[in-house]
C-alpha atoms as a PDB file:
ATOM      1  CA  MET A   1       2.363  -7.731  18.480  1.00  0.00           C
ATOM      2  CA  THR A   2      -0.416  -6.012  16.575  1.00  0.00           C
ATOM      3  CA  SER A   3      -3.973  -6.982  17.123  1.00  0.00           C
ATOM      4  CA  GLY A   4      -6.092  -7.375  14.032  1.00  0.00           C
ATOM      5  CA  PRO A   5      -9.723  -8.126  13.488  1.00  0.00           C
ATOM      6  CA  THR A   6     -10.911 -11.104  15.479  1.00  0.00           C
ATOM      7  CA  GLU A   7     -13.011 -12.359  12.578  1.00  0.00           C
ATOM      8  CA  LEU A   8     -13.828 -11.368   9.037  1.00  0.00           C
ATOM      9  CA  HIS A   9     -17.022  -9.342   9.008  1.00  0.00           C
ATOM     10  CA  GLU A  10     -19.315  -9.701   5.991  1.00  0.00           C
ATOM     11  CA  LEU A  11     -21.091  -6.403   5.374  1.00  0.00           C
ATOM     12  CA  ASP A  12     -24.834  -6.600   4.849  1.00  0.00           C
ATOM     13  CA  GLU A  13     -27.043  -3.889   3.349  1.00  0.00           C
ATOM     14  CA  ILE A  14     -27.711  -2.241   6.739  1.00  0.00           C
ATOM     15  CA  ASP A  15     -23.966  -2.057   7.470  1.00  0.00           C
ATOM     16  CA  ARG A  16     -23.395  -0.480   4.049  1.00  0.00           C
ATOM     17  CA  LYS A  17     -26.137   2.096   4.647  1.00  0.00           C
ATOM     18  CA  ILE A  18     -24.730   2.985   8.074  1.00  0.00           C
ATOM     19  CA  ILE A  19     -21.270   3.460   6.555  1.00  0.00           C
ATOM     20  CA  GLU A  20     -22.738   5.513   3.704  1.00  0.00           C
ATOM     21  CA  LEU A  21     -24.566   7.824   6.133  1.00  0.00           C
ATOM     22  CA  LEU A  22     -21.455   8.245   8.286  1.00  0.00           C
ATOM     23  CA  THR A  23     -19.382   8.913   5.171  1.00  0.00           C
ATOM     24  CA  ARG A  24     -21.714  11.767   4.269  1.00  0.00           C
ATOM     25  CA  ASN A  25     -21.914  13.059   7.842  1.00  0.00           C
ATOM     26  CA  GLY A  26     -19.414  11.694  10.356  1.00  0.00           C
ATOM     27  CA  ARG A  27     -21.178  13.634  13.107  1.00  0.00           C
ATOM     28  CA  ALA A  28     -24.508  11.873  12.639  1.00  0.00           C
ATOM     29  CA  THR A  29     -25.810  10.484  15.902  1.00  0.00           C
ATOM     30  CA  ASN A  30     -27.015   6.938  16.343  1.00  0.00           C
ATOM     31  CA  GLN A  31     -30.536   8.334  16.714  1.00  0.00           C
ATOM     32  CA  GLN A  32     -30.336  10.228  13.411  1.00  0.00           C
ATOM     33  CA  ILE A  33     -29.027   7.161  11.589  1.00  0.00           C
ATOM     34  CA  ALA A  34     -31.667   4.967  13.236  1.00  0.00           C
ATOM     35  CA  ARG A  35     -34.468   7.303  12.087  1.00  0.00           C
ATOM     36  CA  LYS A  36     -33.209   7.294   8.492  1.00  0.00           C
ATOM     37  CA  LEU A  37     -32.911   3.505   8.411  1.00  0.00           C
ATOM     38  CA  ASN A  38     -36.018   2.767  10.474  1.00  0.00           C
ATOM     39  CA  LEU A  39     -34.014   0.954  13.150  1.00  0.00           C
ATOM     40  CA  ALA A  40     -33.582   1.223  16.910  1.00  0.00           C
ATOM     41  CA  ALA A  41     -30.712   3.468  18.035  1.00  0.00           C
ATOM     42  CA  ALA A  42     -29.343   0.561  20.109  1.00  0.00           C
ATOM     43  CA  THR A  43     -29.171  -1.550  16.941  1.00  0.00           C
ATOM     44  CA  VAL A  44     -27.237   1.181  15.121  1.00  0.00           C
ATOM     45  CA  SER A  45     -24.899   1.568  18.095  1.00  0.00           C
ATOM     46  CA  ALA A  46     -24.229  -2.186  18.265  1.00  0.00           C
ATOM     47  CA  ARG A  47     -23.575  -2.386  14.519  1.00  0.00           C
ATOM     48  CA  ILE A  48     -21.200   0.590  14.558  1.00  0.00           C
ATOM     49  CA  ARG A  49     -19.318  -0.937  17.489  1.00  0.00           C
ATOM     50  CA  ARG A  50     -19.089  -4.302  15.667  1.00  0.00           C
ATOM     51  CA  LEU A  51     -17.901  -2.616  12.448  1.00  0.00           C
ATOM     52  CA  GLU A  52     -15.201  -0.730  14.357  1.00  0.00           C
ATOM     53  CA  GLU A  53     -14.101  -3.747  16.419  1.00  0.00           C
ATOM     54  CA  SER A  54     -13.792  -5.916  13.307  1.00  0.00           C
ATOM     55  CA  ASP A  55     -11.785  -3.149  11.565  1.00  0.00           C
ATOM     56  CA  ALA A  56     -14.417  -2.976   8.824  1.00  0.00           C
ATOM     57  CA  MET A  57     -14.951   0.731   9.540  1.00  0.00           C
ATOM     58  CA  ARG A  58     -13.268   3.610  11.295  1.00  0.00           C
ATOM     59  CA  VAL A  59     -14.834   7.016  11.892  1.00  0.00           C
ATOM     60  CA  VAL A  60     -12.211   9.730  11.363  1.00  0.00           C
ATOM     61  CA  ALA A  61     -12.005  13.409  10.566  1.00  0.00           C
ATOM     62  CA  VAL A  62     -10.657  14.231   7.114  1.00  0.00           C
ATOM     63  CA  SER A  63      -9.083  17.583   6.459  1.00  0.00           C
ATOM     64  CA  ASP A  64      -8.480  19.470   3.265  1.00  0.00           C
ATOM     65  CA  PHE A  65      -4.810  19.887   2.349  1.00  0.00           C
ATOM     66  CA  LYS A  66      -5.223  23.566   1.517  1.00  0.00           C
ATOM     67  CA  ALA A  67      -6.837  24.278   4.900  1.00  0.00           C
ATOM     68  CA  PHE A  68      -3.468  23.431   6.441  1.00  0.00           C
ATOM     69  CA  GLY A  69      -1.496  25.428   3.897  1.00  0.00           C
ATOM     70  CA  LEU A  70      -0.343  22.341   2.012  1.00  0.00           C
ATOM     71  CA  ASN A  71      -0.227  23.462  -1.611  1.00  0.00           C
ATOM     72  CA  ALA A  72       2.212  20.992  -3.190  1.00  0.00           C
ATOM     73  CA  LEU A  73       1.243  17.346  -3.576  1.00  0.00           C
ATOM     74  CA  MET A  74       3.510  14.709  -5.036  1.00  0.00           C
ATOM     75  CA  ALA A  75       4.090  11.016  -5.462  1.00  0.00           C
ATOM     76  CA  VAL A  76       7.622   9.756  -4.958  1.00  0.00           C
ATOM     77  CA  GLY A  77       8.815   6.432  -6.330  1.00  0.00           C
ATOM     78  CA  VAL A  78      11.609   4.978  -4.208  1.00  0.00           C
ATOM     79  CA  GLU A  79      14.095   2.301  -5.257  1.00  0.00           C
ATOM     80  CA  VAL A  80      15.692   0.487  -2.330  1.00  0.00           C
ATOM     81  CA  GLU A  81      19.120  -1.124  -2.138  1.00  0.00           C
ATOM     82  CA  GLY A  82      21.002  -2.850   0.678  1.00  0.00           C
ATOM     83  CA  ARG A  83      18.177  -2.771   3.188  1.00  0.00           C
ATOM     84  CA  PRO A  84      14.693  -4.337   3.411  1.00  0.00           C
ATOM     85  CA  ALA A  85      12.090  -2.160   1.677  1.00  0.00           C
ATOM     86  CA  GLU A  86       9.781  -2.593   4.684  1.00  0.00           C
ATOM     87  CA  ASP A  87      12.376  -0.966   6.954  1.00  0.00           C
ATOM     88  CA  VAL A  88      13.007   1.905   4.552  1.00  0.00           C
ATOM     89  CA  ALA A  89       9.245   2.468   4.149  1.00  0.00           C
ATOM     90  CA  ALA A  90       8.792   2.477   7.930  1.00  0.00           C
ATOM     91  CA  ASP A  91      11.476   5.170   8.269  1.00  0.00           C
ATOM     92  CA  LEU A  92       9.984   7.241   5.449  1.00  0.00           C
ATOM     93  CA  ALA A  93       6.521   6.956   6.990  1.00  0.00           C
ATOM     94  CA  THR A  94       7.760   8.803  10.098  1.00  0.00           C
ATOM     95  CA  LEU A  95       8.382  11.994   8.108  1.00  0.00           C
ATOM     96  CA  PRO A  96       5.530  14.443   8.759  1.00  0.00           C
ATOM     97  CA  GLU A  97       5.278  15.374   5.070  1.00  0.00           C
ATOM     98  CA  VAL A  98       4.524  11.758   4.120  1.00  0.00           C
ATOM     99  CA  PHE A  99       0.821  11.018   4.424  1.00  0.00           C
ATOM    100  CA  SER A 100       0.951   7.618   2.769  1.00  0.00           C
ATOM    101  CA  ALA A 101       3.696   5.043   2.205  1.00  0.00           C
ATOM    102  CA  HIS A 102       3.129   1.851   0.186  1.00  0.00           C
ATOM    103  CA  LEU A 103       5.243  -1.172  -0.662  1.00  0.00           C
ATOM    104  CA  VAL A 104       4.552  -1.710  -4.361  1.00  0.00           C
ATOM    105  CA  THR A 105       5.413  -3.924  -7.287  1.00  0.00           C
ATOM    106  CA  GLY A 106       6.856  -2.610 -10.523  1.00  0.00           C
ATOM    107  CA  ARG A 107       9.700  -0.221 -11.120  1.00  0.00           C
ATOM    108  CA  TYR A 108       9.820   1.072  -7.541  1.00  0.00           C
ATOM    109  CA  ASP A 109       9.850  -0.686  -4.199  1.00  0.00           C
ATOM    110  CA  ILE A 110       8.000   2.063  -2.330  1.00  0.00           C
ATOM    111  CA  GLU A 111       5.576   4.793  -3.335  1.00  0.00           C
ATOM    112  CA  LEU A 112       5.100   7.813  -1.115  1.00  0.00           C
ATOM    113  CA  LEU A 113       2.355  10.395  -1.211  1.00  0.00           C
ATOM    114  CA  VAL A 114       3.689  13.671   0.098  1.00  0.00           C
ATOM    115  CA  ALA A 115       2.191  17.077   0.950  1.00  0.00           C
ATOM    116  CA  LEU A 116       4.353  20.184   1.268  1.00  0.00           C
ATOM    117  CA  HIS A 117       3.503  23.773   2.091  1.00  0.00           C
ATOM    118  CA  SER A 118       5.107  24.934  -1.136  1.00  0.00           C
ATOM    119  CA  MET A 119       7.578  23.803  -3.767  1.00  0.00           C
ATOM    120  CA  ASP A 120      10.183  25.814  -1.833  1.00  0.00           C
ATOM    121  CA  ASP A 121      10.062  22.997   0.766  1.00  0.00           C
ATOM    122  CA  LEU A 122      11.036  20.350  -1.801  1.00  0.00           C
ATOM    123  CA  PRO A 123      14.856  20.642  -1.521  1.00  0.00           C
ATOM    124  CA  ASP A 124      14.762  20.407   2.280  1.00  0.00           C
ATOM    125  CA  PHE A 125      12.369  17.445   2.164  1.00  0.00           C
ATOM    126  CA  LEU A 126      14.338  15.469  -0.419  1.00  0.00           C
ATOM    127  CA  LEU A 127      17.904  16.494   0.429  1.00  0.00           C
ATOM    128  CA  ALA A 128      17.839  17.036   4.193  1.00  0.00           C
ATOM    129  CA  LYS A 129      15.246  14.470   5.244  1.00  0.00           C
ATOM    130  CA  VAL A 130      14.692  11.695   2.713  1.00  0.00           C
ATOM    131  CA  SER A 131      18.330  11.408   1.643  1.00  0.00           C
ATOM    132  CA  GLN A 132      19.350  10.772   5.265  1.00  0.00           C
ATOM    133  CA  ILE A 133      17.432   7.481   5.345  1.00  0.00           C
ATOM    134  CA  ALA A 134      19.679   4.504   4.695  1.00  0.00           C
ATOM    135  CA  GLY A 135      18.852   2.107   1.883  1.00  0.00           C
ATOM    136  CA  ILE A 136      17.501   4.506  -0.723  1.00  0.00           C
ATOM    137  CA  ARG A 137      19.020   3.904  -4.149  1.00  0.00           C
ATOM    138  CA  SER A 138      16.989   6.464  -6.112  1.00  0.00           C
ATOM    139  CA  LEU A 139      13.985   8.761  -5.907  1.00  0.00           C
ATOM    140  CA  ASP A 140      11.553   9.747  -8.640  1.00  0.00           C
ATOM    141  CA  PRO A 141       9.310  12.631  -7.491  1.00  0.00           C
ATOM    142  CA  SER A 142       6.209  13.393  -9.555  1.00  0.00           C
ATOM    143  CA  ILE A 143       4.495  16.661  -8.768  1.00  0.00           C
ATOM    144  CA  ALA A 144       0.704  16.874  -8.951  1.00  0.00           C
ATOM    145  CA  VAL A 145      -0.199  19.798 -11.200  1.00  0.00           C
ATOM    146  CA  ASP A 146      -3.950  19.419 -10.611  1.00  0.00           C
ATOM    147  CA  VAL A 147      -6.193  17.239  -8.454  1.00  0.00           C
ATOM    148  CA  ILE A 148      -8.931  15.796 -10.627  1.00  0.00           C
ATOM    149  CA  ARG A 149     -10.476  13.572  -7.982  1.00  0.00           C
ATOM    150  CA  TYR A 150      -9.810  13.303  -4.271  1.00  0.00           C
ATOM    151  CA  GLU A 151     -11.795  10.653  -2.459  1.00  0.00           C
ATOM    152  CA  PHE A 152     -11.115  10.147   1.204  1.00  0.00           C
ATOM    153  CA  ASP A 153     -13.052   6.899   1.481  1.00  0.00           C
ATOM    154  CA  VAL A 154     -10.631   4.150   2.346  1.00  0.00           C
ATOM    155  CA  ALA A 155     -12.573   1.392   0.613  1.00  0.00           C
ATOM    156  CA  PRO A 156     -15.634   1.444  -1.618  1.00  0.00           C
ATOM    157  CA  VAL A 157     -18.509  -0.282   0.154  1.00  0.00           C
ATOM    158  CA  ALA A 158     -21.240   0.063  -2.452  1.00  0.00           C
ATOM    159  CA  SER A 159     -23.245  -3.058  -3.120  1.00  0.00           C
ATOM    160  CA  ARG A 160     -21.920  -5.175  -5.948  1.00  0.00           C
ATOM    161  CA  GLY A 161     -25.289  -4.977  -7.681  1.00  0.00           C
ATOM    162  CA  SER A 162     -25.491  -1.169  -7.608  1.00  0.00           C
END
């Protein structure tokens, strides 16, 4: 049984500013944030804890693909047959090359976002790993030729009025 947020948390302007500051600098201390927002450090600490406990925010480290030698990015559309798409997606999500797996509507049942060290890894990934997962009817890999925008924010939290 998975535990989810205990209650829906409505973000106010202070929450948004805290998230914005942590987005810019995930190492910022409660004291630094408190000084910038003219708040007590204990208030910042309590708000961060509440945001994390309600699953409204998570502080994580984000790495650059190239720093890990991952030079080939691709999206893979997956059509499923004979097995629930959720089960196939769960199996695909265990592959280390898959950094995101989504159940989607449209032509495909699943969309994967994949990072490989080089295009030389593509045959092994598709033929030796992905093809071994039961329930896959077809695959449609699309290779990223250039990254125009890469945002690591999970959800935009800007005020609706801004």
